[in-house]
């Protein structure tokens, strides 16, 4: 690889779908891809204010999740990468109070939608014969079991890691990479809602960098995995936790 090709991350003009783009990490990721010169289709429950081409979708519906890949390809003229950041967290410190609806919501959005969306995107990329990159958000909870009443959420995110490893093996021969990013304490409403100040302080105290991460810092890892610099990385889980986790 020459110096010039190394500096070219291959993202200029690439066609990228970003889910969960209304706020938090998802919005930062969509904006980072746009800054890198990519063409971006952004999805969330509502279209208002989404960066790039807006594609509202309720990913709790498996058909909607699968159909989103085709809608993005239609909007962008093809699909080179998917950054699947959509997710929900319902905290319930007393596990005896977890309801079936709370379980289903988190597993439908966090795990089921991941399978149907990424499978549809991978099949589209395979038919096109151009390869591609699929990146899904997991959490430190996949490894730790979660904190602050997030055991059900952690279970869904553990499923995302295992699922994406399987997808990586399935679609690797087509030149499609599949990776996950395990975010730690990123300063977003998903982290802080329902979490006591004392719990937040403990998380910060247990993080070697001594602070919460920003959505923009989190976005860099996703953009990297979609770039040609990560072309030989697949089936991996990238730890982005400020050292909160070490593995």
Protein backbone atom coordinates (compact mmCIF):
# COMPACT_ATOMS: atom_id res chain seq x y z
CA UNK A 1 0.00 0.00 0.00
CA UNK A 2 1.42 3.37 -0.98
CA UNK A 3 1.37 6.39 1.30
CA UNK A 4 -1.26 8.03 -0.89
CA UNK A 5 -3.61 5.08 -0.81
CA UNK A 6 -3.22 4.84 2.95
CA UNK A 7 -4.31 8.44 3.37
CA UNK A 8 -7.35 7.76 1.18
CA UNK A 9 -9.86 6.00 3.42
CA UNK A 10 -12.17 5.27 0.48
CA UNK A 11 -15.19 6.95 2.05
CA UNK A 12 -15.58 9.85 -0.38
CA UNK A 13 -18.62 9.10 -2.50
CA UNK A 14 -19.44 5.90 -0.62
CA UNK A 15 -23.09 5.12 0.09
CA UNK A 16 -23.86 4.66 3.77
CA UNK A 17 -27.00 3.91 5.75
CA UNK A 18 -26.99 5.03 9.40
CA UNK A 19 -29.76 4.01 11.79
CA UNK A 20 -30.59 5.69 15.08
CA UNK A 21 -29.50 8.95 13.49
CA UNK A 22 -31.83 11.33 15.32
CA UNK A 23 -29.44 11.88 18.19
CA UNK A 24 -26.61 10.59 20.35
CA UNK A 25 -24.02 8.35 18.73
CA UNK A 26 -26.12 7.73 15.62
CA UNK A 27 -26.33 11.40 14.70
CA UNK A 28 -22.62 11.89 15.34
CA UNK A 29 -21.86 8.93 13.08
CA UNK A 30 -24.06 10.25 10.26
CA UNK A 31 -22.40 13.66 10.50
CA UNK A 32 -18.94 12.07 10.54
CA UNK A 33 -19.66 10.13 7.36
CA UNK A 34 -20.94 13.28 5.67
CA UNK A 35 -17.76 15.10 6.73
CA UNK A 36 -15.73 12.26 5.17
CA UNK A 37 -17.49 12.85 1.85
CA UNK A 38 -19.87 9.91 1.99
CA UNK A 39 -23.44 9.99 0.77
CA UNK A 40 -25.65 9.22 3.75
CA UNK A 41 -29.18 7.94 4.26
CA UNK A 42 -30.24 8.40 7.88
CA UNK A 43 -33.01 6.50 9.61
CA UNK A 44 -34.93 6.86 12.84
CA UNK A 45 -38.56 6.74 13.92
CA UNK A 46 -39.26 10.20 12.47
CA UNK A 47 -37.68 12.03 9.54
CA UNK A 48 -37.46 15.50 11.06
CA UNK A 49 -33.92 16.83 11.32
CA UNK A 50 -32.11 13.70 10.14
CA UNK A 51 -28.75 14.33 8.40
CA UNK A 52 -28.56 13.40 4.72
CA UNK A 53 -31.44 11.58 3.04
CA UNK A 54 -34.13 10.91 5.66
CA UNK A 55 -35.66 7.42 5.79
CA UNK A 56 -38.01 7.07 8.77
CA UNK A 57 -38.61 3.49 9.90
CA UNK A 58 -39.87 1.56 12.92
CA UNK A 59 -37.24 -1.15 13.23
CA UNK A 60 -39.31 -3.13 15.69
CA UNK A 61 -41.07 -4.45 12.57
CA UNK A 62 -38.89 -7.10 10.90
CA UNK A 63 -40.26 -6.26 7.45
CA UNK A 64 -39.50 -2.58 7.96
CA UNK A 65 -35.96 -3.43 9.07
CA UNK A 66 -35.36 -5.64 6.06
CA UNK A 67 -36.95 -3.15 3.67
CA UNK A 68 -34.80 -0.29 4.94
CA UNK A 69 -31.74 -1.65 3.14
CA UNK A 70 -33.56 -1.53 -0.21
CA UNK A 71 -34.91 1.96 0.50
CA UNK A 72 -31.40 3.18 1.29
CA UNK A 73 -30.01 1.63 -1.88
CA UNK A 74 -32.75 3.29 -3.91
CA UNK A 75 -32.06 6.66 -2.31
CA UNK A 76 -28.28 6.45 -2.71
CA UNK A 77 -27.92 4.43 -5.89
CA UNK A 78 -26.44 1.46 -4.05
CA UNK A 79 -25.11 0.56 -0.63
CA UNK A 80 -21.51 0.29 0.50
CA UNK A 81 -21.86 0.37 4.30
CA UNK A 82 -24.43 0.15 7.05
CA UNK A 83 -23.86 1.62 10.51
CA UNK A 84 -26.65 0.21 12.65
CA UNK A 85 -26.78 2.34 15.80
CA UNK A 86 -30.50 2.21 16.64
CA UNK A 87 -31.26 0.74 20.04
CA UNK A 88 -33.43 1.01 23.13
CA UNK A 89 -32.67 0.61 26.83
CA UNK A 90 -35.33 0.13 29.51
CA UNK A 91 -33.76 0.17 32.96
CA UNK A 92 -35.35 -2.06 35.59
CA UNK A 93 -33.13 -2.53 38.68
CA UNK A 94 -35.62 -4.99 40.19
CA UNK A 95 -35.58 -7.93 37.78
CA UNK A 96 -38.80 -9.18 39.37
CA UNK A 97 -40.47 -6.17 37.77
CA UNK A 98 -39.29 -6.82 34.20
CA UNK A 99 -42.31 -7.29 31.94
CA UNK A 100 -42.62 -9.28 28.76
CA UNK A 101 -43.27 -6.06 26.85
CA UNK A 102 -40.00 -4.59 28.14
CA UNK A 103 -38.15 -7.75 27.14
CA UNK A 104 -39.75 -7.84 23.67
CA UNK A 105 -39.14 -4.15 22.94
CA UNK A 106 -35.41 -4.38 23.67
CA UNK A 107 -34.88 -7.66 21.85
CA UNK A 108 -37.00 -6.65 18.87
CA UNK A 109 -35.15 -3.37 18.32
CA UNK A 110 -31.69 -4.34 19.51
CA UNK A 111 -31.36 -7.90 18.22
CA UNK A 112 -34.13 -8.93 15.82
CA UNK A 113 -33.86 -5.76 13.75
CA UNK A 114 -30.08 -6.21 13.56
CA UNK A 115 -30.49 -9.59 11.92
CA UNK A 116 -33.15 -8.62 9.38
CA UNK A 117 -31.53 -5.30 8.44
CA UNK A 118 -27.96 -6.56 8.13
CA UNK A 119 -28.99 -9.74 6.33
CA UNK A 120 -30.94 -7.71 3.76
CA UNK A 121 -28.04 -5.29 3.31
CA UNK A 122 -25.52 -8.14 2.97
CA UNK A 123 -27.64 -9.93 0.38
CA UNK A 124 -27.92 -6.71 -1.59
CA UNK A 125 -24.16 -6.17 -1.44
CA UNK A 126 -23.56 -9.78 -2.48
CA UNK A 127 -25.83 -9.43 -5.50
CA UNK A 128 -24.05 -6.22 -6.47
CA UNK A 129 -20.70 -7.99 -6.18
CA UNK A 130 -18.99 -4.97 -4.67
CA UNK A 131 -18.47 -6.07 -1.08
CA UNK A 132 -19.20 -3.72 1.78
CA UNK A 133 -19.03 -3.09 5.50
CA UNK A 134 -21.65 -3.73 8.16
CA UNK A 135 -21.18 -2.26 11.64
CA UNK A 136 -23.57 -2.77 14.56
CA UNK A 137 -23.56 -1.14 17.97
CA UNK A 138 -23.23 -3.35 21.00
CA UNK A 139 -22.38 -2.27 24.53
CA UNK A 140 -19.96 -2.96 27.34
CA UNK A 141 -22.93 -4.86 28.74
CA UNK A 142 -22.35 -7.73 26.30
CA UNK A 143 -19.25 -8.53 28.38
CA UNK A 144 -20.25 -7.38 31.89
CA UNK A 145 -23.96 -8.21 31.99
CA UNK A 146 -24.80 -4.55 32.33
CA UNK A 147 -25.18 -2.04 35.14
CA UNK A 148 -27.98 0.11 36.52
CA UNK A 149 -30.86 -2.25 35.75
CA UNK A 150 -29.81 -3.08 32.20
CA UNK A 151 -29.63 -6.89 32.34
CA UNK A 152 -32.22 -7.40 29.60
CA UNK A 153 -30.53 -4.80 27.39
CA UNK A 154 -27.17 -6.52 28.01
CA UNK A 155 -28.64 -9.85 26.92
CA UNK A 156 -29.81 -8.34 23.65
CA UNK A 157 -26.40 -6.78 23.04
CA UNK A 158 -24.64 -10.06 23.74
CA UNK A 159 -26.82 -11.52 21.04
CA UNK A 160 -25.69 -8.81 18.63
CA UNK A 161 -22.04 -9.79 19.12
CA UNK A 162 -22.71 -13.49 18.48
CA UNK A 163 -24.97 -12.73 15.55
CA UNK A 164 -22.45 -10.49 13.83
CA UNK A 165 -19.72 -13.07 14.23
CA UNK A 166 -21.97 -15.50 12.40
CA UNK A 167 -22.75 -12.94 9.70
CA UNK A 168 -19.03 -12.28 9.29
CA UNK A 169 -18.41 -15.96 8.55
CA UNK A 170 -21.36 -16.16 6.20
CA UNK A 171 -20.66 -13.07 4.11
CA UNK A 172 -16.87 -12.88 4.24
CA UNK A 173 -16.48 -14.76 0.95
CA UNK A 174 -18.47 -11.96 -0.73
CA UNK A 175 -16.00 -9.36 0.53
CA UNK A 176 -18.38 -8.07 3.21
CA UNK A 177 -16.95 -7.28 6.64
CA UNK A 178 -19.18 -7.43 9.73
CA UNK A 179 -18.05 -5.92 13.03
CA UNK A 180 -19.47 -4.56 16.26
CA UNK A 181 -18.48 -1.65 18.47
CA UNK A 182 -18.84 -2.10 22.24
CA UNK A 183 -19.48 1.38 23.56
CA UNK A 184 -18.83 2.13 27.19
CA UNK A 185 -19.90 5.28 28.99
CA UNK A 186 -20.72 7.70 26.18
CA UNK A 187 -22.46 10.90 27.24
CA UNK A 188 -25.87 10.38 25.67
CA UNK A 189 -29.45 10.33 27.01
CA UNK A 190 -29.47 6.53 26.71
CA UNK A 191 -26.69 6.30 29.28
CA UNK A 192 -27.89 8.94 31.72
CA UNK A 193 -31.67 8.50 31.71
CA UNK A 194 -32.70 6.60 34.81
CA UNK A 195 -29.13 6.35 36.10
CA UNK A 196 -28.46 7.95 39.46
CA UNK A 197 -25.72 10.59 39.79
CA UNK A 198 -23.93 8.22 42.17
CA UNK A 199 -23.93 5.44 39.56
CA UNK A 200 -22.63 7.82 36.92
CA UNK A 201 -19.87 8.98 39.25
CA UNK A 202 -18.85 5.37 39.88
CA UNK A 203 -18.69 4.65 36.16
CA UNK A 204 -16.47 7.68 35.64
CA UNK A 205 -14.33 6.64 38.60
CA UNK A 206 -13.91 3.15 37.16
CA UNK A 207 -12.90 4.53 33.75
CA UNK A 208 -9.13 5.02 33.46
CA UNK A 209 -9.58 8.10 31.29
CA UNK A 210 -11.66 9.59 34.10
CA UNK A 211 -14.56 10.94 32.06
CA UNK A 212 -17.47 10.07 29.83
CA UNK A 213 -16.81 9.78 26.11
CA UNK A 214 -18.46 12.06 23.57
CA UNK A 215 -20.66 10.91 20.68
CA UNK A 216 -18.09 12.37 18.29
CA UNK A 217 -15.34 10.23 19.83
CA UNK A 218 -17.57 7.19 19.53
CA UNK A 219 -18.28 7.97 15.88
CA UNK A 220 -14.63 7.66 14.88
CA UNK A 221 -14.58 3.93 15.58
CA UNK A 222 -17.60 3.32 13.34
CA UNK A 223 -16.22 5.38 10.47
CA UNK A 224 -12.91 3.54 10.75
CA UNK A 225 -14.59 0.13 10.44
CA UNK A 226 -16.37 1.28 7.29
CA UNK A 227 -13.16 2.56 5.71
CA UNK A 228 -10.67 0.68 3.57
CA UNK A 229 -8.23 0.90 6.48
CA UNK A 230 -10.30 -1.79 8.20
CA UNK A 231 -10.62 -4.00 5.10
CA UNK A 232 -9.03 -7.03 6.83
CA UNK A 233 -11.03 -6.72 10.06
CA UNK A 234 -14.18 -8.81 10.38
CA UNK A 235 -15.97 -10.67 13.16
CA UNK A 236 -14.38 -8.26 15.65
CA UNK A 237 -15.79 -6.34 18.60
CA UNK A 238 -14.03 -3.01 19.05
CA UNK A 239 -13.87 -1.89 22.69
CA UNK A 240 -14.60 1.87 22.92
CA UNK A 241 -14.96 2.41 26.66
CA UNK A 242 -12.13 4.69 27.77
CA UNK A 243 -10.55 1.66 29.44
CA UNK A 244 -13.65 0.84 31.53
CA UNK A 245 -13.35 -2.60 29.96
CA UNK A 246 -10.02 -4.19 29.16
CA UNK A 247 -9.98 -7.29 26.97
